[in-house]
N, C-alpha and C. Protein backbone atom coordinates (compact mmCIF):
# COMPACT_ATOMS: atom_id res chain seq x y z
N MET A 1 0.84 -1.17 0.00
CA MET A 1 0.00 0.00 0.00
C MET A 1 0.89 1.24 0.00
N ARG A 2 0.62 2.14 -0.90
CA ARG A 2 1.39 3.38 -0.99
C ARG A 2 0.95 4.37 0.06
N GLN A 3 1.90 5.20 0.46
CA GLN A 3 1.60 6.25 1.43
C GLN A 3 1.93 7.59 0.78
N THR A 4 1.11 8.58 1.01
CA THR A 4 1.30 9.90 0.42
C THR A 4 1.87 10.84 1.47
N PHE A 5 2.89 11.63 1.05
CA PHE A 5 3.50 12.63 1.91
C PHE A 5 3.34 14.00 1.27
N THR A 6 3.20 15.01 2.08
CA THR A 6 3.19 16.38 1.59
C THR A 6 4.44 17.05 2.12
N ILE A 7 5.22 17.65 1.21
CA ILE A 7 6.44 18.33 1.63
C ILE A 7 6.43 19.75 1.09
N SER A 8 7.23 20.60 1.70
CA SER A 8 7.38 21.96 1.17
C SER A 8 8.85 22.15 0.80
N LEU A 9 9.06 22.88 -0.29
CA LEU A 9 10.41 23.15 -0.78
C LEU A 9 10.60 24.64 -0.97
N PRO A 10 11.81 25.11 -0.77
CA PRO A 10 12.08 26.50 -1.12
C PRO A 10 11.89 26.69 -2.63
N PRO A 11 11.54 27.90 -3.07
CA PRO A 11 11.26 28.12 -4.49
C PRO A 11 12.38 27.66 -5.44
N LYS A 12 13.63 27.95 -5.10
CA LYS A 12 14.73 27.55 -6.00
C LYS A 12 14.83 26.03 -6.12
N MET A 13 14.64 25.32 -5.00
CA MET A 13 14.71 23.87 -5.05
C MET A 13 13.53 23.32 -5.85
N ALA A 14 12.36 23.91 -5.70
CA ALA A 14 11.20 23.48 -6.46
C ALA A 14 11.45 23.66 -7.96
N GLU A 15 12.09 24.78 -8.34
CA GLU A 15 12.46 25.00 -9.75
C GLU A 15 13.40 23.91 -10.23
N GLN A 16 14.39 23.58 -9.40
CA GLN A 16 15.35 22.54 -9.79
C GLN A 16 14.65 21.20 -9.98
N VAL A 17 13.70 20.90 -9.11
CA VAL A 17 12.93 19.66 -9.24
C VAL A 17 12.17 19.66 -10.57
N GLU A 18 11.51 20.76 -10.87
CA GLU A 18 10.74 20.84 -12.12
C GLU A 18 11.65 20.70 -13.34
N LYS A 19 12.80 21.37 -13.34
CA LYS A 19 13.73 21.27 -14.48
C LYS A 19 14.24 19.85 -14.64
N THR A 20 14.56 19.21 -13.52
CA THR A 20 15.06 17.83 -13.57
C THR A 20 13.99 16.89 -14.06
N MET A 21 12.76 17.09 -13.60
CA MET A 21 11.64 16.26 -14.07
C MET A 21 11.53 16.31 -15.59
N ARG A 22 11.56 17.53 -16.13
CA ARG A 22 11.43 17.69 -17.59
C ARG A 22 12.63 17.07 -18.30
N ALA A 23 13.83 17.33 -17.79
CA ALA A 23 15.05 16.82 -18.46
C ALA A 23 15.10 15.30 -18.47
N GLU A 24 14.62 14.68 -17.39
CA GLU A 24 14.70 13.23 -17.27
C GLU A 24 13.39 12.53 -17.61
N HIS A 25 12.37 13.30 -18.00
CA HIS A 25 11.06 12.73 -18.35
C HIS A 25 10.55 11.83 -17.23
N ARG A 26 10.56 12.36 -16.01
CA ARG A 26 10.09 11.63 -14.84
C ARG A 26 8.97 12.40 -14.16
N THR A 27 8.22 11.68 -13.37
CA THR A 27 7.23 12.36 -12.54
C THR A 27 7.93 12.87 -11.28
N ARG A 28 7.27 13.77 -10.60
CA ARG A 28 7.81 14.30 -9.34
C ARG A 28 8.01 13.16 -8.35
N SER A 29 7.05 12.26 -8.28
CA SER A 29 7.15 11.13 -7.34
C SER A 29 8.34 10.24 -7.66
N GLU A 30 8.55 9.96 -8.95
CA GLU A 30 9.70 9.13 -9.33
C GLU A 30 11.00 9.80 -8.92
N LEU A 31 11.09 11.08 -9.16
CA LEU A 31 12.31 11.82 -8.83
C LEU A 31 12.57 11.82 -7.33
N VAL A 32 11.55 12.07 -6.54
CA VAL A 32 11.70 12.11 -5.09
C VAL A 32 12.01 10.71 -4.54
N ARG A 33 11.36 9.69 -5.09
CA ARG A 33 11.66 8.32 -4.64
C ARG A 33 13.13 7.98 -4.88
N GLU A 34 13.63 8.33 -6.08
CA GLU A 34 15.03 8.05 -6.39
C GLU A 34 15.97 8.83 -5.46
N ALA A 35 15.66 10.09 -5.21
CA ALA A 35 16.48 10.90 -4.31
C ALA A 35 16.50 10.29 -2.91
N LEU A 36 15.35 9.85 -2.42
CA LEU A 36 15.30 9.25 -1.09
C LEU A 36 16.02 7.91 -1.05
N ARG A 37 15.90 7.11 -2.11
CA ARG A 37 16.65 5.84 -2.17
C ARG A 37 18.14 6.09 -2.03
N ARG A 38 18.64 7.06 -2.80
CA ARG A 38 20.07 7.37 -2.75
C ARG A 38 20.48 7.92 -1.39
N TYR A 39 19.68 8.79 -0.83
CA TYR A 39 19.97 9.36 0.48
C TYR A 39 20.05 8.27 1.54
N ILE A 40 19.05 7.40 1.56
CA ILE A 40 19.01 6.33 2.57
C ILE A 40 20.18 5.37 2.36
N SER A 41 20.50 5.05 1.13
CA SER A 41 21.63 4.17 0.83
C SER A 41 22.94 4.79 1.31
N ASN A 42 23.13 6.08 1.05
CA ASN A 42 24.35 6.75 1.50
C ASN A 42 24.43 6.79 3.02
N ARG A 43 23.33 7.06 3.67
CA ARG A 43 23.31 7.09 5.15
C ARG A 43 23.66 5.73 5.71
N ARG A 44 23.13 4.69 5.09
CA ARG A 44 23.39 3.33 5.56
C ARG A 44 24.87 3.01 5.45
N SER A 45 25.50 3.41 4.35
CA SER A 45 26.92 3.10 4.17
C SER A 45 27.77 3.89 5.17
N LEU A 46 27.31 5.07 5.61
CA LEU A 46 28.06 5.83 6.60
C LEU A 46 27.97 5.19 7.98
N GLU A 47 26.95 4.39 8.21
CA GLU A 47 26.75 3.77 9.50
C GLU A 47 27.51 2.46 9.66
N GLU A 48 28.16 1.99 8.60
CA GLU A 48 28.87 0.72 8.67
C GLU A 48 30.07 0.85 9.60
N THR A 49 30.32 -0.18 10.36
CA THR A 49 31.43 -0.19 11.29
C THR A 49 32.67 -0.73 10.57
N PRO A 50 33.80 0.02 10.64
CA PRO A 50 35.00 -0.47 9.98
C PRO A 50 35.54 -1.73 10.66
N THR A 51 36.20 -2.57 9.87
CA THR A 51 36.82 -3.77 10.42
C THR A 51 38.06 -3.38 11.21
N ALA A 52 38.61 -4.33 11.95
CA ALA A 52 39.84 -4.07 12.72
C ALA A 52 40.98 -3.66 11.78
N ALA A 53 41.08 -4.33 10.64
CA ALA A 53 42.14 -3.99 9.68
C ALA A 53 41.95 -2.58 9.13
N GLU A 54 40.69 -2.21 8.86
CA GLU A 54 40.42 -0.86 8.36
C GLU A 54 40.76 0.19 9.42
N LEU A 55 40.42 -0.10 10.67
CA LEU A 55 40.75 0.83 11.76
C LEU A 55 42.26 1.01 11.90
N ARG A 56 43.01 -0.09 11.80
CA ARG A 56 44.48 -0.01 11.86
C ARG A 56 45.01 0.86 10.72
N ALA A 57 44.49 0.64 9.52
CA ALA A 57 44.94 1.42 8.36
C ALA A 57 44.61 2.90 8.54
N ILE A 58 43.43 3.20 9.09
CA ILE A 58 43.06 4.59 9.33
C ILE A 58 44.01 5.22 10.33
N ARG A 59 44.29 4.50 11.44
CA ARG A 59 45.21 5.03 12.46
C ARG A 59 46.61 5.24 11.89
N GLN A 60 47.08 4.30 11.06
CA GLN A 60 48.40 4.45 10.45
C GLN A 60 48.44 5.67 9.54
N GLY A 61 47.38 5.86 8.77
CA GLY A 61 47.31 7.02 7.89
C GLY A 61 47.27 8.32 8.66
N GLU A 62 46.50 8.35 9.74
CA GLU A 62 46.43 9.56 10.56
C GLU A 62 47.78 9.86 11.20
N ALA A 63 48.48 8.82 11.68
CA ALA A 63 49.80 9.02 12.29
C ALA A 63 50.80 9.53 11.26
N ALA A 64 50.77 8.97 10.06
CA ALA A 64 51.67 9.42 8.99
C ALA A 64 51.39 10.88 8.66
N TYR A 65 50.14 11.24 8.61
CA TYR A 65 49.77 12.62 8.32
C TYR A 65 50.27 13.55 9.41
N GLN A 66 50.10 13.16 10.68
CA GLN A 66 50.57 13.98 11.80
C GLN A 66 52.08 14.17 11.77
N ARG A 67 52.82 13.15 11.29
CA ARG A 67 54.28 13.26 11.18
C ARG A 67 54.68 14.12 9.99
N GLY A 68 53.72 14.45 9.16
CA GLY A 68 54.03 15.22 7.96
C GLY A 68 54.46 14.33 6.81
N ASP A 69 54.23 13.05 6.97
CA ASP A 69 54.62 12.06 5.97
C ASP A 69 53.48 11.91 4.96
N SER A 70 53.25 12.98 4.20
CA SER A 70 52.18 12.96 3.22
C SER A 70 52.50 13.96 2.11
N VAL A 71 51.77 13.86 1.03
CA VAL A 71 51.92 14.80 -0.08
C VAL A 71 50.52 15.28 -0.47
N THR A 72 50.48 16.42 -1.09
CA THR A 72 49.20 16.92 -1.59
C THR A 72 48.85 16.18 -2.87
N LEU A 73 47.62 16.27 -3.28
CA LEU A 73 47.20 15.64 -4.53
C LEU A 73 47.98 16.23 -5.70
N ASP A 74 48.18 17.56 -5.70
CA ASP A 74 48.94 18.20 -6.78
C ASP A 74 50.36 17.67 -6.83
N GLU A 75 51.00 17.51 -5.66
CA GLU A 75 52.37 16.97 -5.63
C GLU A 75 52.39 15.54 -6.18
N TYR A 76 51.43 14.75 -5.78
CA TYR A 76 51.36 13.37 -6.25
C TYR A 76 51.18 13.30 -7.76
N LEU A 77 50.24 14.09 -8.28
CA LEU A 77 49.98 14.08 -9.71
C LEU A 77 51.18 14.58 -10.50
N ARG A 78 51.84 15.60 -9.98
CA ARG A 78 53.03 16.12 -10.65
C ARG A 78 54.12 15.04 -10.69
N ASP A 79 54.28 14.30 -9.60
CA ASP A 79 55.28 13.24 -9.54
C ASP A 79 54.93 12.10 -10.49
N VAL A 80 53.68 11.72 -10.53
CA VAL A 80 53.25 10.64 -11.42
C VAL A 80 53.47 11.04 -12.87
N ASP A 81 53.11 12.28 -13.20
CA ASP A 81 53.26 12.75 -14.58
C ASP A 81 54.71 12.92 -15.00
N SER A 82 55.61 13.08 -14.04
CA SER A 82 57.01 13.33 -14.40
C SER A 82 57.76 12.04 -14.74
N HIS A 83 57.21 10.88 -14.43
CA HIS A 83 57.86 9.62 -14.74
C HIS A 83 57.35 9.11 -16.09
N PRO A 84 58.26 8.98 -17.06
CA PRO A 84 57.81 8.47 -18.36
C PRO A 84 57.34 7.03 -18.26
N ARG A 85 56.35 6.73 -19.01
CA ARG A 85 55.82 5.36 -19.01
C ARG A 85 56.54 4.54 -20.08
N ARG A 86 56.81 3.31 -19.72
CA ARG A 86 57.43 2.42 -20.69
C ARG A 86 56.36 1.87 -21.62
N PRO A 87 56.68 1.74 -22.90
CA PRO A 87 55.68 1.17 -23.81
C PRO A 87 55.42 -0.30 -23.45
N ARG A 88 54.19 -0.71 -23.58
CA ARG A 88 53.83 -2.09 -23.29
C ARG A 88 53.75 -2.88 -24.59
N HIS A 89 54.12 -4.14 -24.49
CA HIS A 89 54.03 -5.01 -25.67
C HIS A 89 52.62 -5.55 -25.78
N LYS A 90 52.14 -5.64 -27.00
CA LYS A 90 50.82 -6.19 -27.23
C LYS A 90 50.79 -7.66 -26.89
N VAL A 91 49.73 -8.07 -26.29
CA VAL A 91 49.53 -9.49 -25.96
C VAL A 91 48.41 -9.99 -26.86
N SER A 92 48.69 -11.08 -27.59
CA SER A 92 47.65 -11.59 -28.47
C SER A 92 46.99 -12.80 -27.91
């Protein structure tokens, strides 16, 4: 059995909903159901408890960061780009 909800949205958000509905050829209900599915799924994944191995890895990463043993994303990308890649042989 379906249940009906009444919600209120700020005008700008309501406009975004209408534009998205038209762009995706969906009904308002379909759009809201999909948004809620994704929201609930994301919330559920945030509630997962890390394993002991994951907790150890997190602590090691935090300790390395505190020691200053880290690089920025820009530094990493610059380093990766500066190493020439060797050509690979085709495998048939």
